Amino acid sequence: MGFYCEVDGDDTIRLDKNELKEGRWFRRDEVQLQPTDFSLTNEMMKEFKEGRQ
């Protein structure tokens, strides 16, 4: 499952270090896709990069 969301208020990332190593925001033009990766994550990143989300 994948989800899109919008930040309403403070955009500070509070990372649970037991789940993730790193978390940060990216602009659309900074997103780097994996051209041979056919995954839900890559598809969602592609939609965001292309402005469809």
PDB file of N, CA and C in Angstrom:
ATOM      1  N   MET A   1       0.825  -1.154   0.000  1.00  0.00           N
ATOM      2  CA  MET A   1       0.000   0.000   0.000  1.00  0.00           C
ATOM      3  C   MET A   1       0.884   1.235   0.000  1.00  0.00           C
ATOM      4  N   GLY A   2       0.451   2.264  -0.676  1.00  0.00           N
ATOM      5  CA  GLY A   2       1.162   3.532  -0.677  1.00  0.00           C
ATOM      6  C   GLY A   2       0.174   4.654  -0.438  1.00  0.00           C
ATOM      7  N   PHE A   3       0.638   5.718   0.153  1.00  0.00           N
ATOM      8  CA  PHE A   3      -0.228   6.839   0.485  1.00  0.00           C
ATOM      9  C   PHE A   3       0.444   8.152   0.124  1.00  0.00           C
ATOM     10  N   TYR A   4      -0.342   9.109  -0.336  1.00  0.00           N
ATOM     11  CA  TYR A   4       0.096  10.485  -0.519  1.00  0.00           C
ATOM     12  C   TYR A   4      -0.563  11.309   0.577  1.00  0.00           C
ATOM     13  N   CYS A   5       0.121  12.336   1.029  1.00  0.00           N
ATOM     14  CA  CYS A   5      -0.469  13.208   2.041  1.00  0.00           C
ATOM     15  C   CYS A   5       0.079  14.612   1.870  1.00  0.00           C
ATOM     16  N   GLU A   6      -0.554  15.562   2.540  1.00  0.00           N
ATOM     17  CA  GLU A   6      -0.103  16.938   2.556  1.00  0.00           C
ATOM     18  C   GLU A   6       0.152  17.331   4.001  1.00  0.00           C
ATOM     19  N   VAL A   7       1.179  18.132   4.209  1.00  0.00           N
ATOM     20  CA  VAL A   7       1.507  18.614   5.549  1.00  0.00           C
ATOM     21  C   VAL A   7       0.598  19.777   5.886  1.00  0.00           C
ATOM     22  N   ASP A   8      -0.012  19.727   7.052  1.00  0.00           N
ATOM     23  CA  ASP A   8      -0.855  20.803   7.544  1.00  0.00           C
ATOM     24  C   ASP A   8      -0.232  21.297   8.847  1.00  0.00           C
ATOM     25  N   GLY A   9       0.614  22.307   8.749  1.00  0.00           N
ATOM     26  CA  GLY A   9       1.276  22.822   9.950  1.00  0.00           C
ATOM     27  C   GLY A   9       2.777  22.596   9.897  1.00  0.00           C
ATOM     28  N   ASP A  10       3.346  22.276  11.034  1.00  0.00           N
ATOM     29  CA  ASP A  10       4.791  22.100  11.181  1.00  0.00           C
ATOM     30  C   ASP A  10       5.295  20.956  10.305  1.00  0.00           C
ATOM     31  N   ASP A  11       6.314  21.218   9.494  1.00  0.00           N
ATOM     32  CA  ASP A  11       6.837  20.182   8.597  1.00  0.00           C
ATOM     33  C   ASP A  11       8.138  19.553   9.115  1.00  0.00           C
ATOM     34  N   THR A  12       8.391  19.689  10.411  1.00  0.00           N
ATOM     35  CA  THR A  12       9.560  19.065  11.017  1.00  0.00           C
ATOM     36  C   THR A  12       9.405  17.548  11.007  1.00  0.00           C
ATOM     37  N   ILE A  13      10.431  16.857  10.524  1.00  0.00           N
ATOM     38  CA  ILE A  13      10.403  15.396  10.499  1.00  0.00           C
ATOM     39  C   ILE A  13      10.862  14.875  11.855  1.00  0.00           C
ATOM     40  N   ARG A  14      10.044  14.045  12.479  1.00  0.00           N
ATOM     41  CA  ARG A  14      10.386  13.391  13.744  1.00  0.00           C
ATOM     42  C   ARG A  14      10.508  11.899  13.448  1.00  0.00           C
ATOM     43  N   LEU A  15      11.731  11.458  13.323  1.00  0.00           N
ATOM     44  CA  LEU A  15      12.022  10.121  12.832  1.00  0.00           C
ATOM     45  C   LEU A  15      12.099   9.098  13.962  1.00  0.00           C
ATOM     46  N   ASP A  16      11.428   7.988  13.795  1.00  0.00           N
ATOM     47  CA  ASP A  16      11.562   6.856  14.712  1.00  0.00           C
ATOM     48  C   ASP A  16      12.781   6.062  14.266  1.00  0.00           C
ATOM     49  N   LYS A  17      13.897   6.222  14.963  1.00  0.00           N
ATOM     50  CA  LYS A  17      15.170   5.596  14.573  1.00  0.00           C
ATOM     51  C   LYS A  17      15.114   4.064  14.636  1.00  0.00           C
ATOM     52  N   ASN A  18      14.091   3.495  15.268  1.00  0.00           N
ATOM     53  CA  ASN A  18      13.932   2.039  15.283  1.00  0.00           C
ATOM     54  C   ASN A  18      13.325   1.533  13.969  1.00  0.00           C
ATOM     55  N   GLU A  19      12.714   2.439  13.209  1.00  0.00           N
ATOM     56  CA  GLU A  19      12.082   2.042  11.947  1.00  0.00           C
ATOM     57  C   GLU A  19      12.862   2.499  10.729  1.00  0.00           C
ATOM     58  N   LEU A  20      13.376   3.719  10.769  1.00  0.00           N
ATOM     59  CA  LEU A  20      14.045   4.299   9.607  1.00  0.00           C
ATOM     60  C   LEU A  20      15.384   4.901   9.996  1.00  0.00           C
ATOM     61  N   LYS A  21      16.304   4.861   9.063  1.00  0.00           N
ATOM     62  CA  LYS A  21      17.629   5.437   9.299  1.00  0.00           C
ATOM     63  C   LYS A  21      17.645   6.933   9.002  1.00  0.00           C
ATOM     64  N   GLU A  22      16.881   7.356   7.983  1.00  0.00           N
ATOM     65  CA  GLU A  22      16.929   8.745   7.543  1.00  0.00           C
ATOM     66  C   GLU A  22      15.567   9.183   7.028  1.00  0.00           C
ATOM     67  N   GLY A  23      15.254  10.441   7.189  1.00  0.00           N
ATOM     68  CA  GLY A  23      14.033  11.024   6.651  1.00  0.00           C
ATOM     69  C   GLY A  23      14.290  12.473   6.293  1.00  0.00           C
ATOM     70  N   ARG A  24      13.882  12.871   5.081  1.00  0.00           N
ATOM     71  CA  ARG A  24      14.040  14.265   4.677  1.00  0.00           C
ATOM     72  C   ARG A  24      13.086  14.589   3.540  1.00  0.00           C
ATOM     73  N   TRP A  25      12.874  15.870   3.315  1.00  0.00           N
ATOM     74  CA  TRP A  25      11.999  16.361   2.260  1.00  0.00           C
ATOM     75  C   TRP A  25      12.796  16.560   0.980  1.00  0.00           C
ATOM     76  N   PHE A  26      12.142  16.339  -0.157  1.00  0.00           N
ATOM     77  CA  PHE A  26      12.751  16.556  -1.466  1.00  0.00           C
ATOM     78  C   PHE A  26      11.825  17.395  -2.326  1.00  0.00           C
ATOM     79  N   ARG A  27      12.409  18.263  -3.159  1.00  0.00           N
ATOM     80  CA  ARG A  27      11.635  18.942  -4.199  1.00  0.00           C
ATOM     81  C   ARG A  27      11.457  17.964  -5.355  1.00  0.00           C
ATOM     82  N   ARG A  28      10.467  18.214  -6.184  1.00  0.00           N
ATOM     83  CA  ARG A  28      10.200  17.316  -7.314  1.00  0.00           C
ATOM     84  C   ARG A  28      11.426  17.111  -8.185  1.00  0.00           C
ATOM     85  N   ASP A  29      12.157  18.189  -8.448  1.00  0.00           N
ATOM     86  CA  ASP A  29      13.313  18.078  -9.336  1.00  0.00           C
ATOM     87  C   ASP A  29      14.492  17.349  -8.701  1.00  0.00           C
ATOM     88  N   GLU A  30      14.432  17.088  -7.407  1.00  0.00           N
ATOM     89  CA  GLU A  30      15.506  16.371  -6.717  1.00  0.00           C
ATOM     90  C   GLU A  30      15.282  14.863  -6.651  1.00  0.00           C
ATOM     91  N   VAL A  31      14.084  14.418  -6.993  1.00  0.00           N
ATOM     92  CA  VAL A  31      13.759  12.992  -6.900  1.00  0.00           C
ATOM     93  C   VAL A  31      14.552  12.214  -7.944  1.00  0.00           C
ATOM     94  N   GLN A  32      15.247  11.173  -7.492  1.00  0.00           N
ATOM     95  CA  GLN A  32      16.018  10.320  -8.394  1.00  0.00           C
ATOM     96  C   GLN A  32      15.335   8.960  -8.494  1.00  0.00           C
ATOM     97  N   LEU A  33      14.863   8.647  -9.691  1.00  0.00           N
ATOM     98  CA  LEU A  33      14.159   7.391  -9.929  1.00  0.00           C
ATOM     99  C   LEU A  33      15.138   6.287 -10.300  1.00  0.00           C
ATOM    100  N   GLN A  34      14.714   5.065 -10.081  1.00  0.00           N
ATOM    101  CA  GLN A  34      15.470   3.895 -10.510  1.00  0.00           C
ATOM    102  C   GLN A  34      14.810   3.403 -11.799  1.00  0.00           C
ATOM    103  N   PRO A  35      15.461   3.570 -12.947  1.00  0.00           N
ATOM    104  CA  PRO A  35      14.816   3.278 -14.234  1.00  0.00           C
ATOM    105  C   PRO A  35      14.396   1.822 -14.425  1.00  0.00           C
ATOM    106  N   THR A  36      14.998   0.890 -13.732  1.00  0.00           N
ATOM    107  CA  THR A  36      14.627  -0.521 -13.902  1.00  0.00           C
ATOM    108  C   THR A  36      13.866  -1.079 -12.708  1.00  0.00           C
ATOM    109  N   ASP A  37      13.437  -0.214 -11.797  1.00  0.00           N
ATOM    110  CA  ASP A  37      12.737  -0.666 -10.591  1.00  0.00           C
ATOM    111  C   ASP A  37      11.230  -0.576 -10.806  1.00  0.00           C
ATOM    112  N   PHE A  38      10.558  -1.722 -10.898  1.00  0.00           N
ATOM    113  CA  PHE A  38       9.113  -1.758 -11.076  1.00  0.00           C
ATOM    114  C   PHE A  38       8.448  -2.009  -9.730  1.00  0.00           C
ATOM    115  N   SER A  39       8.528  -1.001  -8.860  1.00  0.00           N
ATOM    116  CA  SER A  39       7.958  -1.133  -7.524  1.00  0.00           C
ATOM    117  C   SER A  39       6.923  -0.041  -7.286  1.00  0.00           C
ATOM    118  N   LEU A  40       6.075  -0.241  -6.314  1.00  0.00           N
ATOM    119  CA  LEU A  40       5.080   0.759  -5.939  1.00  0.00           C
ATOM    120  C   LEU A  40       5.776   2.049  -5.515  1.00  0.00           C
ATOM    121  N   THR A  41       6.846   1.932  -4.749  1.00  0.00           N
ATOM    122  CA  THR A  41       7.569   3.117  -4.286  1.00  0.00           C
ATOM    123  C   THR A  41       8.094   3.928  -5.460  1.00  0.00           C
ATOM    124  N   ASN A  42       8.738   3.275  -6.399  1.00  0.00           N
ATOM    125  CA  ASN A  42       9.288   3.984  -7.556  1.00  0.00           C
ATOM    126  C   ASN A  42       8.174   4.617  -8.388  1.00  0.00           C
ATOM    127  N   GLU A  43       7.054   3.929  -8.552  1.00  0.00           N
ATOM    128  CA  GLU A  43       5.930   4.475  -9.322  1.00  0.00           C
ATOM    129  C   GLU A  43       5.354   5.710  -8.638  1.00  0.00           C
ATOM    130  N   MET A  44       5.235   5.679  -7.314  1.00  0.00           N
ATOM    131  CA  MET A  44       4.721   6.837  -6.578  1.00  0.00           C
ATOM    132  C   MET A  44       5.698   8.007  -6.664  1.00  0.00           C
ATOM    133  N   MET A  45       6.982   7.721  -6.590  1.00  0.00           N
ATOM    134  CA  MET A  45       7.994   8.772  -6.716  1.00  0.00           C
ATOM    135  C   MET A  45       7.934   9.401  -8.110  1.00  0.00           C
ATOM    136  N   LYS A  46       7.716   8.569  -9.135  1.00  0.00           N
ATOM    137  CA  LYS A  46       7.617   9.049 -10.514  1.00  0.00           C
ATOM    138  C   LYS A  46       6.403   9.973 -10.671  1.00  0.00           C
ATOM    139  N   GLU A  47       5.260   9.593 -10.113  1.00  0.00           N
ATOM    140  CA  GLU A  47       4.064  10.420 -10.194  1.00  0.00           C
ATOM    141  C   GLU A  47       4.289  11.766  -9.505  1.00  0.00           C
ATOM    142  N   PHE A  48       4.957  11.749  -8.359  1.00  0.00           N
ATOM    143  CA  PHE A  48       5.247  12.992  -7.654  1.00  0.00           C
ATOM    144  C   PHE A  48       6.197  13.860  -8.484  1.00  0.00           C
ATOM    145  N   LYS A  49       7.256  13.267  -8.994  1.00  0.00           N
ATOM    146  CA  LYS A  49       8.257  13.999  -9.779  1.00  0.00           C
ATOM    147  C   LYS A  49       7.621  14.657 -11.001  1.00  0.00           C
ATOM    148  N   GLU A  50       6.700  13.965 -11.638  1.00  0.00           N
ATOM    149  CA  GLU A  50       6.049  14.469 -12.852  1.00  0.00           C
ATOM    150  C   GLU A  50       4.868  15.393 -12.559  1.00  0.00           C
ATOM    151  N   GLY A  51       4.599  15.658 -11.276  1.00  0.00           N
ATOM    152  CA  GLY A  51       3.547  16.593 -10.898  1.00  0.00           C
ATOM    153  C   GLY A  51       2.136  16.040 -10.948  1.00  0.00           C
ATOM    154  N   ARG A  52       2.019  14.711 -11.013  1.00  0.00           N
ATOM    155  CA  ARG A  52       0.690  14.082 -11.034  1.00  0.00           C
ATOM    156  C   ARG A  52       0.132  13.873  -9.641  1.00  0.00           C
ATOM    157  N   GLN A  53       0.935  14.130  -8.633  1.00  0.00           N
ATOM    158  CA  GLN A  53       0.493  14.059  -7.231  1.00  0.00           C
ATOM    159  C   GLN A  53       1.003  15.229  -6.475  1.00  0.00           C
TER     160      GLN A  53
END
